[in-house]
């Protein structure tokens, strides 16, 4: 009987790895390499997300600046009812 606790090794294609992680890892990448890469990517993506949120807010303000306050308030009021 096979050991049911034994980990199953799933080998993903280069394309699958890229789709999942945005990168392909060579066959020689160690667990330490992967952890370091993940840490760097997470840090980079968190910064990009922060920047995108700021950019979105700035542009939302530009979109709304010419709409009178009473109209904006009426839109907000109607969406909460």
N, C-alpha and C. Protein backbone atom coordinates (compact mmCIF):
# COMPACT_ATOMS: atom_id res chain seq x y z
N UNK A 1 0.85 -1.18 0.00
CA UNK A 1 0.00 0.00 0.00
C UNK A 1 0.89 1.24 0.00
N UNK A 2 0.50 2.22 -0.84
CA UNK A 2 1.28 3.44 -0.94
C UNK A 2 1.13 4.29 0.31
N UNK A 3 2.19 5.02 0.62
CA UNK A 3 2.15 5.94 1.75
C UNK A 3 1.30 7.15 1.35
N UNK A 4 0.18 7.33 2.01
CA UNK A 4 -0.73 8.41 1.66
C UNK A 4 -0.23 9.77 2.15
N UNK A 5 0.76 9.79 3.01
CA UNK A 5 1.31 11.05 3.48
C UNK A 5 2.39 11.59 2.55
N UNK A 6 2.80 10.79 1.60
CA UNK A 6 3.86 11.19 0.70
C UNK A 6 3.36 12.33 -0.20
N UNK A 7 4.15 13.39 -0.30
CA UNK A 7 3.76 14.54 -1.11
C UNK A 7 3.80 14.18 -2.59
N UNK A 8 2.83 14.66 -3.31
CA UNK A 8 2.78 14.44 -4.74
C UNK A 8 3.45 15.63 -5.42
N UNK A 9 4.38 15.34 -6.29
CA UNK A 9 5.10 16.39 -7.01
C UNK A 9 4.34 16.72 -8.29
N UNK A 10 3.87 17.95 -8.39
CA UNK A 10 3.15 18.39 -9.57
C UNK A 10 4.11 19.25 -10.38
N UNK A 11 4.32 18.88 -11.62
CA UNK A 11 5.22 19.62 -12.49
C UNK A 11 4.37 20.46 -13.44
N UNK A 12 4.58 21.76 -13.38
CA UNK A 12 3.83 22.68 -14.22
C UNK A 12 4.68 23.08 -15.42
N UNK A 13 4.02 23.35 -16.52
CA UNK A 13 4.74 23.80 -17.71
C UNK A 13 5.21 25.23 -17.51
N UNK A 14 6.09 25.65 -18.39
CA UNK A 14 6.59 27.01 -18.35
C UNK A 14 5.43 28.01 -18.45
N UNK A 15 4.49 27.73 -19.36
CA UNK A 15 3.34 28.61 -19.55
C UNK A 15 2.46 28.65 -18.31
N UNK A 16 2.24 27.51 -17.67
CA UNK A 16 1.41 27.47 -16.46
C UNK A 16 2.07 28.25 -15.32
N UNK A 17 3.39 28.09 -15.18
CA UNK A 17 4.10 28.85 -14.15
C UNK A 17 3.98 30.35 -14.41
N UNK A 18 4.14 30.74 -15.67
CA UNK A 18 4.06 32.16 -15.99
C UNK A 18 2.66 32.69 -15.72
N UNK A 19 1.63 31.91 -16.08
CA UNK A 19 0.25 32.34 -15.82
C UNK A 19 -0.03 32.48 -14.33
N UNK A 20 0.51 31.59 -13.52
CA UNK A 20 0.26 31.62 -12.08
C UNK A 20 1.08 32.68 -11.34
N UNK A 21 2.35 32.82 -11.73
CA UNK A 21 3.27 33.64 -10.93
C UNK A 21 3.90 34.80 -11.68
N UNK A 22 3.61 34.95 -12.97
CA UNK A 22 4.20 36.03 -13.74
C UNK A 22 5.65 35.80 -14.08
N UNK A 23 6.12 34.60 -13.87
CA UNK A 23 7.51 34.27 -14.15
C UNK A 23 7.65 32.77 -14.31
N UNK A 24 8.75 32.39 -14.91
CA UNK A 24 9.08 30.97 -15.03
C UNK A 24 10.33 30.74 -14.20
N UNK A 25 10.35 29.66 -13.48
CA UNK A 25 11.49 29.34 -12.64
C UNK A 25 12.25 28.19 -13.28
N UNK A 26 13.54 28.34 -13.38
CA UNK A 26 14.35 27.27 -13.95
C UNK A 26 14.33 26.04 -13.08
N UNK A 27 14.77 24.96 -13.66
CA UNK A 27 14.79 23.69 -12.94
C UNK A 27 15.78 23.70 -11.78
N UNK A 28 16.67 24.67 -11.77
CA UNK A 28 17.69 24.71 -10.71
C UNK A 28 17.31 25.63 -9.55
N UNK A 29 16.13 26.26 -9.62
CA UNK A 29 15.70 27.17 -8.55
C UNK A 29 15.49 26.38 -7.26
N UNK A 30 16.10 26.88 -6.20
CA UNK A 30 15.98 26.22 -4.90
C UNK A 30 14.80 26.82 -4.14
N UNK A 31 14.34 26.17 -3.08
CA UNK A 31 13.29 26.77 -2.25
C UNK A 31 13.69 28.16 -1.75
N UNK A 32 14.95 28.34 -1.39
CA UNK A 32 15.42 29.65 -0.93
C UNK A 32 15.30 30.69 -2.04
N UNK A 33 15.64 30.29 -3.27
CA UNK A 33 15.49 31.20 -4.42
C UNK A 33 14.04 31.62 -4.57
N UNK A 34 13.14 30.66 -4.44
CA UNK A 34 11.71 30.93 -4.61
C UNK A 34 11.20 31.88 -3.53
N UNK A 35 11.61 31.66 -2.29
CA UNK A 35 11.17 32.51 -1.18
C UNK A 35 11.67 33.94 -1.40
N UNK A 36 12.92 34.09 -1.77
CA UNK A 36 13.48 35.43 -2.02
C UNK A 36 12.75 36.11 -3.17
N UNK A 37 12.51 35.36 -4.24
CA UNK A 37 11.82 35.92 -5.39
C UNK A 37 10.41 36.38 -5.00
N UNK A 38 9.71 35.54 -4.25
CA UNK A 38 8.35 35.89 -3.81
C UNK A 38 8.36 37.14 -2.95
N UNK A 39 9.30 37.24 -2.04
CA UNK A 39 9.39 38.43 -1.18
C UNK A 39 9.59 39.69 -2.01
N UNK A 40 10.49 39.62 -3.00
CA UNK A 40 10.75 40.78 -3.85
C UNK A 40 9.52 41.15 -4.67
N UNK A 41 8.86 40.15 -5.23
CA UNK A 41 7.67 40.41 -6.04
C UNK A 41 6.55 41.01 -5.21
N UNK A 42 6.31 40.46 -4.04
CA UNK A 42 5.24 40.96 -3.16
C UNK A 42 5.51 42.42 -2.80
N UNK A 43 6.74 42.74 -2.46
CA UNK A 43 7.09 44.12 -2.11
C UNK A 43 6.85 45.05 -3.30
N UNK A 44 7.28 44.61 -4.48
CA UNK A 44 7.10 45.41 -5.69
C UNK A 44 5.62 45.60 -6.00
N UNK A 45 4.83 44.53 -5.93
CA UNK A 45 3.41 44.62 -6.25
C UNK A 45 2.65 45.47 -5.23
N UNK A 46 3.02 45.39 -3.97
CA UNK A 46 2.36 46.22 -2.96
C UNK A 46 2.61 47.70 -3.24
N UNK A 47 3.81 48.04 -3.68
CA UNK A 47 4.12 49.42 -4.04
C UNK A 47 3.32 49.84 -5.28
N UNK A 48 3.24 48.97 -6.27
CA UNK A 48 2.47 49.28 -7.47
C UNK A 48 1.00 49.47 -7.14
N UNK A 49 0.46 48.63 -6.28
CA UNK A 49 -0.95 48.75 -5.88
C UNK A 49 -1.19 50.09 -5.20
N UNK A 50 -0.30 50.47 -4.29
CA UNK A 50 -0.41 51.76 -3.61
C UNK A 50 -0.39 52.89 -4.64
N UNK A 51 0.54 52.83 -5.58
CA UNK A 51 0.65 53.87 -6.62
C UNK A 51 -0.60 53.91 -7.49
N UNK A 52 -1.13 52.76 -7.85
CA UNK A 52 -2.34 52.70 -8.68
C UNK A 52 -3.54 53.28 -7.94
N UNK A 53 -3.65 53.01 -6.65
CA UNK A 53 -4.76 53.56 -5.88
C UNK A 53 -4.68 55.08 -5.83
N UNK A 54 -3.46 55.62 -5.67
CA UNK A 54 -3.28 57.07 -5.65
C UNK A 54 -3.62 57.66 -7.02
N UNK A 55 -3.16 57.02 -8.08
CA UNK A 55 -3.44 57.49 -9.43
C UNK A 55 -4.94 57.46 -9.72
N UNK A 56 -5.59 56.40 -9.29
CA UNK A 56 -7.04 56.28 -9.48
C UNK A 56 -7.77 57.41 -8.76
N UNK A 57 -7.40 57.66 -7.51
CA UNK A 57 -8.04 58.72 -6.73
C UNK A 57 -7.85 60.09 -7.37
N UNK A 58 -6.63 60.38 -7.81
CA UNK A 58 -6.36 61.66 -8.47
C UNK A 58 -7.24 61.84 -9.70
N UNK A 59 -7.38 60.78 -10.48
CA UNK A 59 -8.16 60.88 -11.71
C UNK A 59 -9.66 60.87 -11.45
N UNK A 60 -10.09 60.21 -10.40
CA UNK A 60 -11.50 60.29 -10.02
C UNK A 60 -11.85 61.73 -9.64
N UNK A 61 -10.95 62.37 -8.92
CA UNK A 61 -11.18 63.77 -8.55
C UNK A 61 -11.28 64.65 -9.79
N UNK A 62 -10.42 64.39 -10.79
CA UNK A 62 -10.46 65.17 -12.03
C UNK A 62 -11.78 64.93 -12.77
N UNK A 63 -12.25 63.70 -12.76
CA UNK A 63 -13.51 63.38 -13.43
C UNK A 63 -14.69 64.08 -12.76
N UNK A 64 -14.64 64.19 -11.45
CA UNK A 64 -15.78 64.72 -10.70
C UNK A 64 -15.72 66.22 -10.45
N UNK A 65 -14.60 66.86 -10.72
CA UNK A 65 -14.42 68.27 -10.32
C UNK A 65 -15.41 69.22 -10.97
N UNK A 66 -15.88 68.92 -12.17
CA UNK A 66 -16.79 69.84 -12.86
C UNK A 66 -18.27 69.53 -12.62
N UNK A 67 -18.55 68.49 -11.85
CA UNK A 67 -19.94 68.14 -11.55
C UNK A 67 -20.34 68.88 -10.27
N UNK A 68 -21.43 69.63 -10.33
CA UNK A 68 -21.87 70.37 -9.14
C UNK A 68 -22.11 69.44 -7.94
N UNK A 69 -21.82 69.96 -6.77
CA UNK A 69 -21.92 69.19 -5.53
C UNK A 69 -23.33 68.65 -5.31
N UNK A 70 -24.35 69.45 -5.61
CA UNK A 70 -25.72 68.99 -5.37
C UNK A 70 -26.08 67.79 -6.26
N UNK A 71 -25.56 67.76 -7.46
CA UNK A 71 -25.82 66.62 -8.35
C UNK A 71 -25.10 65.38 -7.82
N UNK A 72 -23.85 65.54 -7.41
CA UNK A 72 -23.11 64.41 -6.84
C UNK A 72 -23.82 63.87 -5.60
N UNK A 73 -24.30 64.78 -4.76
CA UNK A 73 -25.00 64.36 -3.55
C UNK A 73 -26.28 63.61 -3.90
N UNK A 74 -27.00 64.08 -4.90
CA UNK A 74 -28.24 63.41 -5.33
C UNK A 74 -27.93 62.00 -5.85
N UNK A 75 -26.84 61.86 -6.57
CA UNK A 75 -26.44 60.53 -7.07
C UNK A 75 -26.11 59.61 -5.90
N UNK A 76 -25.36 60.13 -4.93
CA UNK A 76 -25.02 59.33 -3.75
C UNK A 76 -26.26 58.94 -2.97
N UNK A 77 -27.15 59.89 -2.79
CA UNK A 77 -28.39 59.62 -2.04
C UNK A 77 -29.24 58.56 -2.73
N UNK A 78 -29.33 58.63 -4.05
CA UNK A 78 -30.16 57.67 -4.78
C UNK A 78 -29.55 56.28 -4.78
N UNK A 79 -28.24 56.20 -4.67
CA UNK A 79 -27.59 54.88 -4.69
C UNK A 79 -27.67 54.17 -3.33
N UNK A 80 -27.94 54.91 -2.27
CA UNK A 80 -28.04 54.30 -0.94
C UNK A 80 -29.46 53.93 -0.57
N UNK A 81 -30.41 54.33 -1.38
CA UNK A 81 -31.83 54.02 -1.09
C UNK A 81 -32.26 52.78 -1.77
